[in-house]
Amino acid sequence: MRLTRAGEYAIRCILYLAGQSPGRVVSRKEVARAMEIPDPFLAKIAQQLSLAGIIEILQGARGGYRLLKDPAALSLLEVVEAVSGEIFLNECVIRPESCSRSQVCPVHNVWEKARRRLRETLQEATFDKLLAESRGQKI
């Protein structure tokens, strides 16, 4: 599975918000400019992140986005799946009924194992760790 453009932009948005002072409201234009995200695309992604309870969208002249979750408790997996849906590598893993051979296929187990490892890796990658790494710090 390839990470979608929406997933990439969602990660950039959250990285930027996580790097700001806790509770700070950041304008959409600031996020879009700093992270090179097309403004209309960011607005759509922000809606999905808001529905997932990851950010808050504030309207008005002083509006913008505010991160609702602690970066230490927010993973890449959560952000990616908020905008792209559940991660899977092959249709048979998420919907076994899509393939009549799922129960007997030796490759099915490989797909499931790879999916499980990918999800674990993305779950372990929290935004506080990512920010610390970008700043050359250890957590």
Foldseek 3Di string as FASTA:
>chain_A
DDQDPLLVLLVQLVLVQLPDDAPDFDALVVSCVVSVNPSVSSVVSVVLCVVLVQWDFDDDPRTHIHGPDNLQQAFSQSRSCSRPNHDFDDPCQVPVVVDPCCVPDPVNVVRNVVSVVVSVVRNNHGSVCVNCVVVVHHD
